[in-house]
Structures are given as C-alpha cells and as structure tokens.
Amino acid sequence: ALSLANVWVDRQTGRGTGMTPPTEAQPNLRVTSMAELVALHRAER
C-alpha cells in the first residue's frame, strides 16, 4: 500500500453500487458530490 489519502465521491448514495462491483476499499473521506468536496476543501483554507 502506498498510504495515499483518497476520497470517494458517492454519487449513488442509497442506490447500491450500480454497475460497479462492490469493493473493500475504505476512503479517507466520503462525499456525495464534487460540489461537496470543493466546499470542504475551501472550508479548510
């Protein structure tokens, strides 16, 4: 493992994984949209 921080933009919130197979990966941060990610990033400055 490279120990890189990662974000999951979960656009399918509450609707399962769609065509993407389930994964065991654990993100450092989970958001539901890119707008939410941008807002969190701006708030940290």
PDB file of N, CA and C in Angstrom:
ATOM      1  N   ALA A   1       0.833  -1.189   0.000  1.00  0.00           N
ATOM      2  CA  ALA A   1       0.000   0.000   0.000  1.00  0.00           C
ATOM      3  C   ALA A   1       0.874   1.248   0.000  1.00  0.00           C
ATOM      4  N   LEU A   2       0.428   2.247  -0.716  1.00  0.00           N
ATOM      5  CA  LEU A   2       1.184   3.490  -0.824  1.00  0.00           C
ATOM      6  C   LEU A   2       0.805   4.518   0.234  1.00  0.00           C
ATOM      7  N   SER A   3      -0.235   4.251   0.991  1.00  0.00           N
ATOM      8  CA  SER A   3      -0.704   5.159   2.044  1.00  0.00           C
ATOM      9  C   SER A   3      -1.098   6.533   1.511  1.00  0.00           C
ATOM     10  N   LEU A   4      -1.704   6.568   0.336  1.00  0.00           N
ATOM     11  CA  LEU A   4      -2.182   7.822  -0.240  1.00  0.00           C
ATOM     12  C   LEU A   4      -3.591   8.110   0.272  1.00  0.00           C
ATOM     13  N   ALA A   5      -3.855   9.370   0.604  1.00  0.00           N
ATOM     14  CA  ALA A   5      -5.207   9.760   1.006  1.00  0.00           C
ATOM     15  C   ALA A   5      -6.124   9.670  -0.210  1.00  0.00           C
ATOM     16  N   ASN A   6      -7.391   9.309   0.018  1.00  0.00           N
ATOM     17  CA  ASN A   6      -8.322   9.190  -1.102  1.00  0.00           C
ATOM     18  C   ASN A   6      -9.719   9.619  -0.691  1.00  0.00           C
ATOM     19  N   VAL A   7     -10.510   9.965  -1.698  1.00  0.00           N
ATOM     20  CA  VAL A   7     -11.885  10.429  -1.495  1.00  0.00           C
ATOM     21  C   VAL A   7     -12.811   9.602  -2.377  1.00  0.00           C
ATOM     22  N   TRP A   8     -13.949   9.219  -1.828  1.00  0.00           N
ATOM     23  CA  TRP A   8     -14.971   8.537  -2.606  1.00  0.00           C
ATOM     24  C   TRP A   8     -16.100   9.533  -2.830  1.00  0.00           C
ATOM     25  N   VAL A   9     -16.331   9.883  -4.093  1.00  0.00           N
ATOM     26  CA  VAL A   9     -17.470  10.726  -4.454  1.00  0.00           C
ATOM     27  C   VAL A   9     -18.610   9.753  -4.754  1.00  0.00           C
ATOM     28  N   ASP A  10     -19.468   9.549  -3.775  1.00  0.00           N
ATOM     29  CA  ASP A  10     -20.524   8.532  -3.812  1.00  0.00           C
ATOM     30  C   ASP A  10     -21.797   9.106  -4.419  1.00  0.00           C
ATOM     31  N   ARG A  11     -21.836   9.171  -5.728  1.00  0.00           N
ATOM     32  CA  ARG A  11     -22.998   9.733  -6.429  1.00  0.00           C
ATOM     33  C   ARG A  11     -24.204   8.806  -6.370  1.00  0.00           C
ATOM     34  N   GLN A  12     -23.987   7.543  -6.033  1.00  0.00           N
ATOM     35  CA  GLN A  12     -25.058   6.547  -5.973  1.00  0.00           C
ATOM     36  C   GLN A  12     -25.656   6.432  -4.573  1.00  0.00           C
ATOM     37  N   THR A  13     -25.427   7.374  -3.695  1.00  0.00           N
ATOM     38  CA  THR A  13     -25.837   7.295  -2.294  1.00  0.00           C
ATOM     39  C   THR A  13     -27.217   6.661  -2.137  1.00  0.00           C
ATOM     40  N   GLY A  14     -27.258   5.557  -1.400  1.00  0.00           N
ATOM     41  CA  GLY A  14     -28.514   4.882  -1.110  1.00  0.00           C
ATOM     42  C   GLY A  14     -29.068   4.043  -2.246  1.00  0.00           C
ATOM     43  N   ARG A  15     -28.355   3.952  -3.366  1.00  0.00           N
ATOM     44  CA  ARG A  15     -28.864   3.202  -4.519  1.00  0.00           C
ATOM     45  C   ARG A  15     -27.969   2.024  -4.882  1.00  0.00           C
ATOM     46  N   GLY A  16     -27.162   1.549  -3.968  1.00  0.00           N
ATOM     47  CA  GLY A  16     -26.282   0.426  -4.260  1.00  0.00           C
ATOM     48  C   GLY A  16     -25.072   0.871  -5.069  1.00  0.00           C
ATOM     49  N   THR A  17     -24.391  -0.083  -5.674  1.00  0.00           N
ATOM     50  CA  THR A  17     -23.165   0.235  -6.408  1.00  0.00           C
ATOM     51  C   THR A  17     -23.374   0.361  -7.910  1.00  0.00           C
ATOM     52  N   GLY A  18     -24.595   0.152  -8.388  1.00  0.00           N
ATOM     53  CA  GLY A  18     -24.840   0.245  -9.830  1.00  0.00           C
ATOM     54  C   GLY A  18     -24.072  -0.840 -10.567  1.00  0.00           C
ATOM     55  N   MET A  19     -23.417  -0.480 -11.656  1.00  0.00           N
ATOM     56  CA  MET A  19     -22.647  -1.436 -12.451  1.00  0.00           C
ATOM     57  C   MET A  19     -21.259  -1.697 -11.867  1.00  0.00           C
ATOM     58  N   THR A  20     -20.860  -0.908 -10.892  1.00  0.00           N
ATOM     59  CA  THR A  20     -19.541  -1.061 -10.286  1.00  0.00           C
ATOM     60  C   THR A  20     -19.576  -2.176  -9.250  1.00  0.00           C
ATOM     61  N   PRO A  21     -18.655  -3.126  -9.342  1.00  0.00           N
ATOM     62  CA  PRO A  21     -18.652  -4.188  -8.336  1.00  0.00           C
ATOM     63  C   PRO A  21     -18.300  -3.632  -6.952  1.00  0.00           C
ATOM     64  N   PRO A  22     -18.854  -4.214  -5.900  1.00  0.00           N
ATOM     65  CA  PRO A  22     -18.534  -3.761  -4.543  1.00  0.00           C
ATOM     66  C   PRO A  22     -17.030  -3.879  -4.276  1.00  0.00           C
ATOM     67  N   THR A  23     -16.524  -3.032  -3.398  1.00  0.00           N
ATOM     68  CA  THR A  23     -15.103  -3.059  -3.062  1.00  0.00           C
ATOM     69  C   THR A  23     -14.921  -3.035  -1.554  1.00  0.00           C
ATOM     70  N   GLU A  24     -13.784  -3.474  -1.102  1.00  0.00           N
ATOM     71  CA  GLU A  24     -13.460  -3.454   0.325  1.00  0.00           C
ATOM     72  C   GLU A  24     -12.653  -2.213   0.686  1.00  0.00           C
ATOM     73  N   ALA A  25     -12.355  -1.371  -0.287  1.00  0.00           N
ATOM     74  CA  ALA A  25     -11.550  -0.171  -0.049  1.00  0.00           C
ATOM     75  C   ALA A  25     -12.256   0.757   0.929  1.00  0.00           C
ATOM     76  N   GLN A  26     -11.485   1.404   1.768  1.00  0.00           N
ATOM     77  CA  GLN A  26     -12.016   2.345   2.747  1.00  0.00           C
ATOM     78  C   GLN A  26     -11.463   3.738   2.454  1.00  0.00           C
ATOM     79  N   PRO A  27     -12.303   4.665   1.988  1.00  0.00           N
ATOM     80  CA  PRO A  27     -11.818   6.012   1.687  1.00  0.00           C
ATOM     81  C   PRO A  27     -11.525   6.804   2.959  1.00  0.00           C
ATOM     82  N   ASN A  28     -10.636   7.781   2.838  1.00  0.00           N
ATOM     83  CA  ASN A  28     -10.357   8.687   3.953  1.00  0.00           C
ATOM     84  C   ASN A  28     -11.501   9.676   4.138  1.00  0.00           C
ATOM     85  N   LEU A  29     -12.219   9.957   3.057  1.00  0.00           N
ATOM     86  CA  LEU A  29     -13.325  10.912   3.075  1.00  0.00           C
ATOM     87  C   LEU A  29     -14.373  10.440   2.080  1.00  0.00           C
ATOM     88  N   ARG A  30     -15.646  10.587   2.445  1.00  0.00           N
ATOM     89  CA  ARG A  30     -16.745  10.206   1.548  1.00  0.00           C
ATOM     90  C   ARG A  30     -17.669  11.404   1.404  1.00  0.00           C
ATOM     91  N   VAL A  31     -17.931  11.807   0.158  1.00  0.00           N
ATOM     92  CA  VAL A  31     -18.838  12.913  -0.144  1.00  0.00           C
ATOM     93  C   VAL A  31     -19.836  12.431  -1.188  1.00  0.00           C
ATOM     94  N   THR A  32     -20.909  13.189  -1.390  1.00  0.00           N
ATOM     95  CA  THR A  32     -21.928  12.771  -2.352  1.00  0.00           C
ATOM     96  C   THR A  32     -21.874  13.545  -3.663  1.00  0.00           C
ATOM     97  N   SER A  33     -20.988  14.556  -3.743  1.00  0.00           N
ATOM     98  CA  SER A  33     -20.867  15.321  -4.987  1.00  0.00           C
ATOM     99  C   SER A  33     -19.523  16.035  -5.020  1.00  0.00           C
ATOM    100  N   MET A  34     -19.116  16.436  -6.205  1.00  0.00           N
ATOM    101  CA  MET A  34     -17.889  17.225  -6.337  1.00  0.00           C
ATOM    102  C   MET A  34     -18.073  18.582  -5.660  1.00  0.00           C
ATOM    103  N   ALA A  35     -19.294  19.121  -5.704  1.00  0.00           N
ATOM    104  CA  ALA A  35     -19.566  20.404  -5.048  1.00  0.00           C
ATOM    105  C   ALA A  35     -19.316  20.299  -3.546  1.00  0.00           C
ATOM    106  N   GLU A  36     -19.711  19.196  -2.947  1.00  0.00           N
ATOM    107  CA  GLU A  36     -19.462  18.991  -1.517  1.00  0.00           C
ATOM    108  C   GLU A  36     -17.964  18.902  -1.239  1.00  0.00           C
ATOM    109  N   LEU A  37     -17.223  18.221  -2.096  1.00  0.00           N
ATOM    110  CA  LEU A  37     -15.775  18.119  -1.940  1.00  0.00           C
ATOM    111  C   LEU A  37     -15.116  19.492  -2.030  1.00  0.00           C
ATOM    112  N   VAL A  38     -15.537  20.298  -3.003  1.00  0.00           N
ATOM    113  CA  VAL A  38     -14.988  21.652  -3.160  1.00  0.00           C
ATOM    114  C   VAL A  38     -15.301  22.494  -1.924  1.00  0.00           C
ATOM    115  N   ALA A  39     -16.527  22.403  -1.421  1.00  0.00           N
ATOM    116  CA  ALA A  39     -16.910  23.178  -0.234  1.00  0.00           C
ATOM    117  C   ALA A  39     -16.062  22.788   0.974  1.00  0.00           C
ATOM    118  N   LEU A  40     -15.818  21.504   1.155  1.00  0.00           N
ATOM    119  CA  LEU A  40     -14.977  21.057   2.268  1.00  0.00           C
ATOM    120  C   LEU A  40     -13.544  21.544   2.105  1.00  0.00           C
ATOM    121  N   HIS A  41     -13.051  21.493   0.884  1.00  0.00           N
ATOM    122  CA  HIS A  41     -11.688  21.961   0.609  1.00  0.00           C
ATOM    123  C   HIS A  41     -11.557  23.452   0.913  1.00  0.00           C
ATOM    124  N   ARG A  42     -12.523  24.234   0.470  1.00  0.00           N
ATOM    125  CA  ARG A  42     -12.488  25.685   0.708  1.00  0.00           C
ATOM    126  C   ARG A  42     -12.592  26.006   2.196  1.00  0.00           C
ATOM    127  N   ALA A  43     -13.356  25.217   2.933  1.00  0.00           N
ATOM    128  CA  ALA A  43     -13.533  25.457   4.368  1.00  0.00           C
ATOM    129  C   ALA A  43     -12.251  25.192   5.157  1.00  0.00           C
ATOM    130  N   GLU A  44     -11.369  24.355   4.622  1.00  0.00           N
ATOM    131  CA  GLU A  44     -10.119  24.029   5.318  1.00  0.00           C
ATOM    132  C   GLU A  44      -9.062  25.105   5.165  1.00  0.00           C
ATOM    133  N   ARG A  45      -9.211  25.992   4.235  1.00  0.00           N
ATOM    134  CA  ARG A  45      -8.184  27.014   3.991  1.00  0.00           C
ATOM    135  C   ARG A  45      -8.105  28.001   5.096  1.00  0.00           C
TER     136      ARG A  45
END
